Amino acid sequence: MVWLLFLHIASLVIWTAALCILLILLARKAPNWPQVAGNGDSLERIWFTRLASPAGLFSIVSGTLIFAVQQCFDSWLLLKLTLVTALVACHVTAGLLILYRKRPESSNISGKCTALLLLVLLLIFSIVVLVLLKPQQAQLPWFI
């Protein structure tokens, strides 16, 4: 059980760090940098598809296994899963920003990336605080 928890935390750290670095790369990169791979993929797309997405998927699968093994059905877990769902939505939005950047009429990409980065950091902080505190059912309305 401890090894599964370690794998979950490690993959979560890799996922969230890769997502934050991806947003910083998108916001700061010059639009005409050379392509990294021979097939025309940019650094952001490779970072997204080969690091951030697999780490996110592994984090979600290992978290689901922890949930299944422990059979934990506390109410704080529903709130955590809601926050993780919002983090997945941010992940998808980052992928859409990669595609948006390739459009010739794309504008204010750095502002969008900065706003999304702040939201991702807020979600990460909220998830960590929620998991560390694990409020009980009676405390949950005051926690929210």
N, C-alpha and C. Protein backbone atom coordinates (compact mmCIF):
# COMPACT_ATOMS: atom_id res chain seq x y z
N MET A 1 0.81 -1.20 0.00
CA MET A 1 0.00 0.00 0.00
C MET A 1 0.86 1.26 0.00
N VAL A 2 1.96 1.23 0.75
CA VAL A 2 2.83 2.41 0.83
C VAL A 2 3.47 2.68 -0.53
N TRP A 3 3.86 1.64 -1.23
CA TRP A 3 4.47 1.83 -2.55
C TRP A 3 3.49 2.45 -3.53
N LEU A 4 2.22 2.09 -3.42
CA LEU A 4 1.19 2.66 -4.29
C LEU A 4 0.99 4.14 -3.99
N LEU A 5 1.01 4.48 -2.72
CA LEU A 5 0.89 5.88 -2.33
C LEU A 5 2.10 6.67 -2.80
N PHE A 6 3.29 6.07 -2.71
CA PHE A 6 4.50 6.73 -3.21
C PHE A 6 4.41 6.96 -4.71
N LEU A 7 3.97 5.96 -5.45
CA LEU A 7 3.83 6.11 -6.90
C LEU A 7 2.81 7.19 -7.26
N HIS A 8 1.73 7.26 -6.49
CA HIS A 8 0.71 8.28 -6.73
C HIS A 8 1.27 9.68 -6.49
N ILE A 9 1.95 9.86 -5.39
CA ILE A 9 2.50 11.18 -5.06
C ILE A 9 3.59 11.57 -6.07
N ALA A 10 4.45 10.62 -6.42
CA ALA A 10 5.52 10.91 -7.38
C ALA A 10 4.94 11.29 -8.75
N SER A 11 3.96 10.54 -9.20
CA SER A 11 3.38 10.85 -10.52
C SER A 11 2.59 12.16 -10.47
N LEU A 12 1.98 12.46 -9.33
CA LEU A 12 1.27 13.73 -9.19
C LEU A 12 2.23 14.91 -9.23
N VAL A 13 3.38 14.77 -8.58
CA VAL A 13 4.39 15.83 -8.61
C VAL A 13 4.91 16.03 -10.03
N ILE A 14 5.19 14.94 -10.73
CA ILE A 14 5.68 15.04 -12.10
C ILE A 14 4.62 15.68 -13.00
N TRP A 15 3.37 15.27 -12.85
CA TRP A 15 2.28 15.81 -13.67
C TRP A 15 2.11 17.30 -13.46
N THR A 16 2.01 17.71 -12.21
CA THR A 16 1.75 19.12 -11.94
C THR A 16 2.96 19.98 -12.30
N ALA A 17 4.16 19.48 -12.06
CA ALA A 17 5.36 20.23 -12.44
C ALA A 17 5.45 20.35 -13.96
N ALA A 18 5.17 19.27 -14.66
CA ALA A 18 5.20 19.32 -16.13
C ALA A 18 4.14 20.27 -16.67
N LEU A 19 2.99 20.30 -16.04
CA LEU A 19 1.92 21.21 -16.48
C LEU A 19 2.32 22.66 -16.25
N CYS A 20 2.91 22.95 -15.11
CA CYS A 20 3.35 24.32 -14.81
C CYS A 20 4.48 24.75 -15.75
N ILE A 21 5.43 23.87 -15.98
CA ILE A 21 6.54 24.19 -16.89
C ILE A 21 6.03 24.37 -18.31
N LEU A 22 5.06 23.56 -18.72
CA LEU A 22 4.47 23.69 -20.04
C LEU A 22 3.84 25.07 -20.23
N LEU A 23 3.11 25.52 -19.23
CA LEU A 23 2.47 26.83 -19.33
C LEU A 23 3.50 27.96 -19.36
N ILE A 24 4.59 27.80 -18.64
CA ILE A 24 5.66 28.80 -18.68
C ILE A 24 6.33 28.78 -20.06
N LEU A 25 6.55 27.60 -20.61
CA LEU A 25 7.12 27.50 -21.96
C LEU A 25 6.22 28.14 -23.00
N LEU A 26 4.93 27.91 -22.89
CA LEU A 26 3.99 28.49 -23.84
C LEU A 26 3.96 30.01 -23.75
N ALA A 27 4.06 30.52 -22.54
CA ALA A 27 3.97 31.96 -22.35
C ALA A 27 5.23 32.68 -22.79
N ARG A 28 6.38 32.05 -22.70
CA ARG A 28 7.65 32.74 -22.93
C ARG A 28 8.34 32.40 -24.25
N LYS A 29 7.93 31.37 -24.91
CA LYS A 29 8.65 30.91 -26.09
C LYS A 29 8.41 31.82 -27.29
N ALA A 30 9.46 32.03 -28.03
CA ALA A 30 9.32 32.77 -29.29
C ALA A 30 8.52 31.91 -30.27
N PRO A 31 7.62 32.50 -31.04
CA PRO A 31 6.73 31.69 -31.88
C PRO A 31 7.42 30.94 -33.01
N ASN A 32 8.62 31.34 -33.41
CA ASN A 32 9.26 30.70 -34.56
C ASN A 32 10.51 29.92 -34.20
N TRP A 33 10.54 29.30 -33.04
CA TRP A 33 11.66 28.44 -32.68
C TRP A 33 11.66 27.22 -33.57
N PRO A 34 12.83 26.61 -33.78
CA PRO A 34 12.87 25.43 -34.65
C PRO A 34 12.14 24.25 -34.00
N GLN A 35 11.67 23.37 -34.86
CA GLN A 35 10.95 22.19 -34.39
C GLN A 35 11.94 21.21 -33.76
N VAL A 36 11.48 20.49 -32.74
CA VAL A 36 12.36 19.58 -32.01
C VAL A 36 12.44 18.23 -32.70
N ALA A 37 11.32 17.69 -33.06
CA ALA A 37 11.30 16.35 -33.67
C ALA A 37 11.29 16.47 -35.19
N GLY A 38 11.64 15.40 -35.85
CA GLY A 38 11.66 15.39 -37.30
C GLY A 38 10.28 15.50 -37.91
N ASN A 39 9.24 15.17 -37.15
CA ASN A 39 7.88 15.21 -37.70
C ASN A 39 7.20 16.56 -37.49
N GLY A 40 7.93 17.57 -37.05
CA GLY A 40 7.36 18.91 -36.92
C GLY A 40 6.74 19.22 -35.59
N ASP A 41 6.90 18.34 -34.61
CA ASP A 41 6.33 18.61 -33.29
C ASP A 41 7.16 19.65 -32.56
N SER A 42 6.49 20.53 -31.86
CA SER A 42 7.18 21.55 -31.08
C SER A 42 7.55 20.97 -29.72
N LEU A 43 8.41 21.69 -29.02
CA LEU A 43 8.82 21.26 -27.69
C LEU A 43 7.62 21.16 -26.75
N GLU A 44 6.69 22.11 -26.86
CA GLU A 44 5.51 22.09 -25.99
C GLU A 44 4.65 20.86 -26.25
N ARG A 45 4.48 20.53 -27.51
CA ARG A 45 3.64 19.37 -27.84
C ARG A 45 4.28 18.06 -27.37
N ILE A 46 5.59 17.95 -27.52
CA ILE A 46 6.29 16.76 -27.03
C ILE A 46 6.21 16.70 -25.51
N TRP A 47 6.42 17.84 -24.84
CA TRP A 47 6.34 17.91 -23.38
C TRP A 47 4.94 17.49 -22.92
N PHE A 48 3.92 17.94 -23.63
CA PHE A 48 2.54 17.64 -23.27
C PHE A 48 2.21 16.17 -23.49
N THR A 49 2.56 15.64 -24.66
CA THR A 49 2.14 14.29 -25.02
C THR A 49 3.00 13.18 -24.43
N ARG A 50 4.28 13.47 -24.18
CA ARG A 50 5.18 12.41 -23.72
C ARG A 50 5.55 12.48 -22.25
N LEU A 51 5.20 13.60 -21.58
CA LEU A 51 5.52 13.70 -20.16
C LEU A 51 4.29 14.03 -19.33
N ALA A 52 3.65 15.15 -19.61
CA ALA A 52 2.55 15.62 -18.77
C ALA A 52 1.34 14.68 -18.83
N SER A 53 0.93 14.30 -20.03
CA SER A 53 -0.26 13.45 -20.16
C SER A 53 -0.06 12.05 -19.57
N PRO A 54 1.04 11.35 -19.87
CA PRO A 54 1.22 10.04 -19.22
C PRO A 54 1.33 10.13 -17.70
N ALA A 55 2.02 11.16 -17.20
CA ALA A 55 2.13 11.32 -15.75
C ALA A 55 0.76 11.60 -15.13
N GLY A 56 -0.04 12.41 -15.79
CA GLY A 56 -1.40 12.68 -15.29
C GLY A 56 -2.25 11.43 -15.29
N LEU A 57 -2.18 10.67 -16.36
CA LEU A 57 -2.94 9.42 -16.43
C LEU A 57 -2.49 8.43 -15.36
N PHE A 58 -1.18 8.31 -15.18
CA PHE A 58 -0.66 7.41 -14.15
C PHE A 58 -1.07 7.86 -12.75
N SER A 59 -1.08 9.16 -12.54
CA SER A 59 -1.50 9.70 -11.24
C SER A 59 -2.96 9.38 -10.95
N ILE A 60 -3.80 9.53 -11.95
CA ILE A 60 -5.23 9.25 -11.77
C ILE A 60 -5.47 7.76 -11.56
N VAL A 61 -4.78 6.92 -12.31
CA VAL A 61 -4.95 5.47 -12.16
C VAL A 61 -4.45 5.01 -10.79
N SER A 62 -3.29 5.50 -10.36
CA SER A 62 -2.78 5.08 -9.05
C SER A 62 -3.65 5.62 -7.92
N GLY A 63 -4.19 6.82 -8.08
CA GLY A 63 -5.12 7.35 -7.07
C GLY A 63 -6.40 6.53 -7.00
N THR A 64 -6.87 6.08 -8.14
CA THR A 64 -8.06 5.22 -8.17
C THR A 64 -7.78 3.88 -7.50
N LEU A 65 -6.58 3.34 -7.71
CA LEU A 65 -6.22 2.08 -7.05
C LEU A 65 -6.13 2.26 -5.53
N ILE A 66 -5.59 3.39 -5.09
CA ILE A 66 -5.55 3.66 -3.65
C ILE A 66 -6.97 3.72 -3.09
N PHE A 67 -7.84 4.39 -3.80
CA PHE A 67 -9.25 4.50 -3.40
C PHE A 67 -9.89 3.12 -3.33
N ALA A 68 -9.58 2.26 -4.29
CA ALA A 68 -10.18 0.92 -4.31
C ALA A 68 -9.60 0.02 -3.21
N VAL A 69 -8.31 0.12 -2.96
CA VAL A 69 -7.67 -0.72 -1.95
C VAL A 69 -8.09 -0.31 -0.54
N GLN A 70 -8.09 0.97 -0.26
CA GLN A 70 -8.45 1.45 1.08
C GLN A 70 -9.95 1.43 1.34
N GLN A 71 -10.74 1.43 0.29
CA GLN A 71 -12.20 1.51 0.38
C GLN A 71 -12.60 2.70 1.25
N CYS A 72 -12.00 3.83 0.95
CA CYS A 72 -12.26 5.07 1.67
C CYS A 72 -13.39 5.81 0.96
N PHE A 73 -14.48 6.05 1.68
CA PHE A 73 -15.63 6.73 1.10
C PHE A 73 -15.98 7.98 1.89
N ASP A 74 -14.97 8.69 2.35
CA ASP A 74 -15.21 9.90 3.12
C ASP A 74 -15.67 11.03 2.22
N SER A 75 -16.32 12.02 2.82
CA SER A 75 -16.86 13.11 2.03
C SER A 75 -15.77 14.05 1.50
N TRP A 76 -14.64 14.13 2.18
CA TRP A 76 -13.57 14.99 1.68
C TRP A 76 -13.03 14.47 0.37
N LEU A 77 -13.16 13.15 0.15
CA LEU A 77 -12.66 12.56 -1.08
C LEU A 77 -13.44 13.07 -2.29
N LEU A 78 -14.74 13.30 -2.13
CA LEU A 78 -15.53 13.84 -3.23
C LEU A 78 -15.06 15.24 -3.60
N LEU A 79 -14.73 16.04 -2.59
CA LEU A 79 -14.21 17.37 -2.85
C LEU A 79 -12.85 17.29 -3.55
N LYS A 80 -12.02 16.34 -3.12
CA LYS A 80 -10.70 16.17 -3.75
C LYS A 80 -10.86 15.74 -5.20
N LEU A 81 -11.78 14.83 -5.46
CA LEU A 81 -12.00 14.38 -6.83
C LEU A 81 -12.54 15.51 -7.71
N THR A 82 -13.33 16.40 -7.13
CA THR A 82 -13.81 17.57 -7.86
C THR A 82 -12.64 18.49 -8.23
N LEU A 83 -11.73 18.69 -7.29
CA LEU A 83 -10.56 19.52 -7.56
C LEU A 83 -9.64 18.87 -8.60
N VAL A 84 -9.50 17.56 -8.54
CA VAL A 84 -8.69 16.84 -9.53
C VAL A 84 -9.34 16.94 -10.91
N THR A 85 -10.66 16.88 -10.96
CA THR A 85 -11.37 17.05 -12.22
C THR A 85 -11.11 18.43 -12.81
N ALA A 86 -11.08 19.45 -11.96
CA ALA A 86 -10.76 20.80 -12.42
C ALA A 86 -9.32 20.86 -12.92
N LEU A 87 -8.41 20.13 -12.27
CA LEU A 87 -7.02 20.08 -12.71
C LEU A 87 -6.91 19.39 -14.07
N VAL A 88 -7.70 18.36 -14.29
CA VAL A 88 -7.73 17.69 -15.59
C VAL A 88 -8.26 18.65 -16.66
N ALA A 89 -9.26 19.45 -16.31
CA ALA A 89 -9.77 20.44 -17.26
C ALA A 89 -8.70 21.47 -17.60
N CYS A 90 -7.89 21.85 -16.63
CA CYS A 90 -6.77 22.77 -16.89
C CYS A 90 -5.74 22.11 -17.80
N HIS A 91 -5.53 20.82 -17.61
CA HIS A 91 -4.60 20.07 -18.46
C HIS A 91 -5.08 20.09 -19.91
N VAL A 92 -6.36 19.84 -20.10
CA VAL A 92 -6.94 19.85 -21.45
C VAL A 92 -6.85 21.26 -22.05
N THR A 93 -7.10 22.26 -21.23
CA THR A 93 -7.00 23.65 -21.70
C THR A 93 -5.58 23.99 -22.13
N ALA A 94 -4.59 23.48 -21.40
CA ALA A 94 -3.20 23.69 -21.80
C ALA A 94 -2.92 23.06 -23.16
N GLY A 95 -3.48 21.89 -23.39
CA GLY A 95 -3.34 21.26 -24.70
C GLY A 95 -3.99 22.08 -25.81
N LEU A 96 -5.14 22.66 -25.49
CA LEU A 96 -5.79 23.52 -26.47
C LEU A 96 -5.00 24.79 -26.73
N LEU A 97 -4.31 25.30 -25.70
CA LEU A 97 -3.46 26.48 -25.89
C LEU A 97 -2.28 26.18 -26.81
N ILE A 98 -1.79 24.94 -26.77
CA ILE A 98 -0.71 24.55 -27.70
C ILE A 98 -1.21 24.66 -29.13
N LEU A 99 -2.43 24.18 -29.36
CA LEU A 99 -3.01 24.27 -30.71
C LEU A 99 -3.33 25.71 -31.08
N TYR A 100 -3.80 26.48 -30.12
CA TYR A 100 -4.16 27.88 -30.35
C TYR A 100 -2.94 28.70 -30.73
N ARG A 101 -1.81 28.37 -30.17
CA ARG A 101 -0.56 29.12 -30.44
C ARG A 101 -0.15 29.00 -31.90
N LYS A 102 -0.51 27.91 -32.56
CA LYS A 102 -0.12 27.70 -33.96
C LYS A 102 -0.96 28.54 -34.92
N ARG A 103 -2.08 29.06 -34.45
CA ARG A 103 -2.92 29.87 -35.33
C ARG A 103 -2.25 31.22 -35.59
N PRO A 104 -2.37 31.71 -36.80
CA PRO A 104 -1.73 33.00 -37.10
C PRO A 104 -2.40 34.17 -36.37
N GLU A 105 -3.67 34.05 -36.06
CA GLU A 105 -4.38 35.16 -35.40
C GLU A 105 -4.40 35.01 -33.88
N SER A 106 -3.58 34.13 -33.32
CA SER A 106 -3.55 33.96 -31.86
C SER A 106 -3.03 35.23 -31.20
N SER A 107 -3.70 35.62 -30.13
CA SER A 107 -3.31 36.85 -29.44
C SER A 107 -3.34 36.64 -27.93
N ASN A 108 -2.50 37.37 -27.24
CA ASN A 108 -2.42 37.37 -25.78
C ASN A 108 -2.27 35.96 -25.21
N ILE A 109 -1.43 35.17 -25.82
CA ILE A 109 -1.22 33.80 -25.34
C ILE A 109 -0.55 33.81 -23.98
N SER A 110 0.33 34.77 -23.73
CA SER A 110 1.02 34.79 -22.44
C SER A 110 0.05 35.13 -21.31
N GLY A 111 -0.92 35.98 -21.55
CA GLY A 111 -1.92 36.29 -20.53
C GLY A 111 -2.79 35.09 -20.21
N LYS A 112 -3.17 34.35 -21.23
CA LYS A 112 -3.98 33.15 -21.03
C LYS A 112 -3.20 32.08 -20.27
N CYS A 113 -1.93 31.94 -20.63
CA CYS A 113 -1.08 30.95 -19.94
C CYS A 113 -0.85 31.34 -18.49
N THR A 114 -0.65 32.62 -18.23
CA THR A 114 -0.44 33.08 -16.85
C THR A 114 -1.69 32.85 -16.00
N ALA A 115 -2.86 33.16 -16.56
CA ALA A 115 -4.11 32.94 -15.82
C ALA A 115 -4.31 31.46 -15.54
N LEU A 116 -4.04 30.61 -16.53
CA LEU A 116 -4.19 29.17 -16.34
C LEU A 116 -3.16 28.65 -15.33
N LEU A 117 -1.94 29.18 -15.37
CA LEU A 117 -0.92 28.77 -14.40
C LEU A 117 -1.34 29.12 -12.98
N LEU A 118 -1.89 30.30 -12.78
CA LEU A 118 -2.37 30.69 -11.45
C LEU A 118 -3.49 29.77 -10.98
N LEU A 119 -4.39 29.40 -11.89
CA LEU A 119 -5.47 28.48 -11.53
C LEU A 119 -4.91 27.10 -11.17
N VAL A 120 -3.94 26.62 -11.94
CA VAL A 120 -3.33 25.32 -11.66
C VAL A 120 -2.65 25.34 -10.30
N LEU A 121 -1.91 26.39 -10.00
CA LEU A 121 -1.24 26.50 -8.70
C LEU A 121 -2.24 26.55 -7.56
N LEU A 122 -3.34 27.25 -7.75
CA LEU A 122 -4.39 27.30 -6.73
C LEU A 122 -5.02 25.93 -6.51
N LEU A 123 -5.25 25.20 -7.58
CA LEU A 123 -5.82 23.85 -7.46
C LEU A 123 -4.84 22.90 -6.77
N ILE A 124 -3.57 22.98 -7.12
CA ILE A 124 -2.57 22.12 -6.48
C ILE A 124 -2.52 22.40 -4.98
N PHE A 125 -2.47 23.67 -4.63
CA PHE A 125 -2.44 24.05 -3.21
C PHE A 125 -3.68 23.56 -2.50
N SER A 126 -4.84 23.71 -3.11
CA SER A 126 -6.10 23.27 -2.50
C SER A 126 -6.13 21.76 -2.30
N ILE A 127 -5.66 21.03 -3.27
CA ILE A 127 -5.64 19.56 -3.15
C ILE A 127 -4.71 19.13 -2.02
N VAL A 128 -3.53 19.72 -1.95
CA VAL A 128 -2.57 19.35 -0.90
C VAL A 128 -3.13 19.67 0.48
N VAL A 129 -3.71 20.85 0.64
CA VAL A 129 -4.28 21.23 1.94
C VAL A 129 -5.43 20.30 2.30
N LEU A 130 -6.28 20.00 1.35
CA LEU A 130 -7.43 19.12 1.62
C LEU A 130 -6.97 17.72 2.03
N VAL A 131 -5.98 17.18 1.34
CA VAL A 131 -5.50 15.83 1.66
C VAL A 131 -4.81 15.80 3.02
N LEU A 132 -4.07 16.85 3.33
CA LEU A 132 -3.38 16.87 4.62
C LEU A 132 -4.34 17.08 5.78
N LEU A 133 -5.39 17.87 5.60
CA LEU A 133 -6.33 18.12 6.69
C LEU A 133 -7.39 17.03 6.82
N LYS A 134 -7.84 16.49 5.72
CA LYS A 134 -8.89 15.46 5.69
C LYS A 134 -10.04 15.81 6.66
N PRO A 135 -10.78 16.86 6.36
CA PRO A 135 -11.86 17.26 7.28
C PRO A 135 -12.97 16.21 7.33
N GLN A 136 -13.56 16.06 8.49
CA GLN A 136 -14.67 15.13 8.67
C GLN A 136 -15.95 15.74 8.12
N GLN A 137 -17.02 14.96 8.08
CA GLN A 137 -18.30 15.41 7.52
C GLN A 137 -18.82 16.66 8.23
N ALA A 138 -18.71 16.71 9.54
CA ALA A 138 -19.23 17.85 10.30
C ALA A 138 -18.38 19.11 10.04
N GLN A 139 -17.10 18.94 9.75
CA GLN A 139 -16.22 20.08 9.52
C GLN A 139 -16.25 20.56 8.09
N LEU A 140 -16.73 19.75 7.17
CA LEU A 140 -16.63 20.03 5.75
C LEU A 140 -17.33 21.33 5.33
N PRO A 141 -18.54 21.63 5.80
CA PRO A 141 -19.14 22.92 5.39
C PRO A 141 -18.30 24.11 5.80
N TRP A 142 -17.62 24.04 6.93
CA TRP A 142 -16.76 25.15 7.36
C TRP A 142 -15.46 25.18 6.59
N PHE A 143 -15.04 24.02 6.11
CA PHE A 143 -13.80 23.94 5.34
C PHE A 143 -13.96 24.59 3.97
N ILE A 144 -15.11 24.40 3.38
CA ILE A 144 -15.36 24.94 2.05
C ILE A 144 -15.56 26.41 2.18
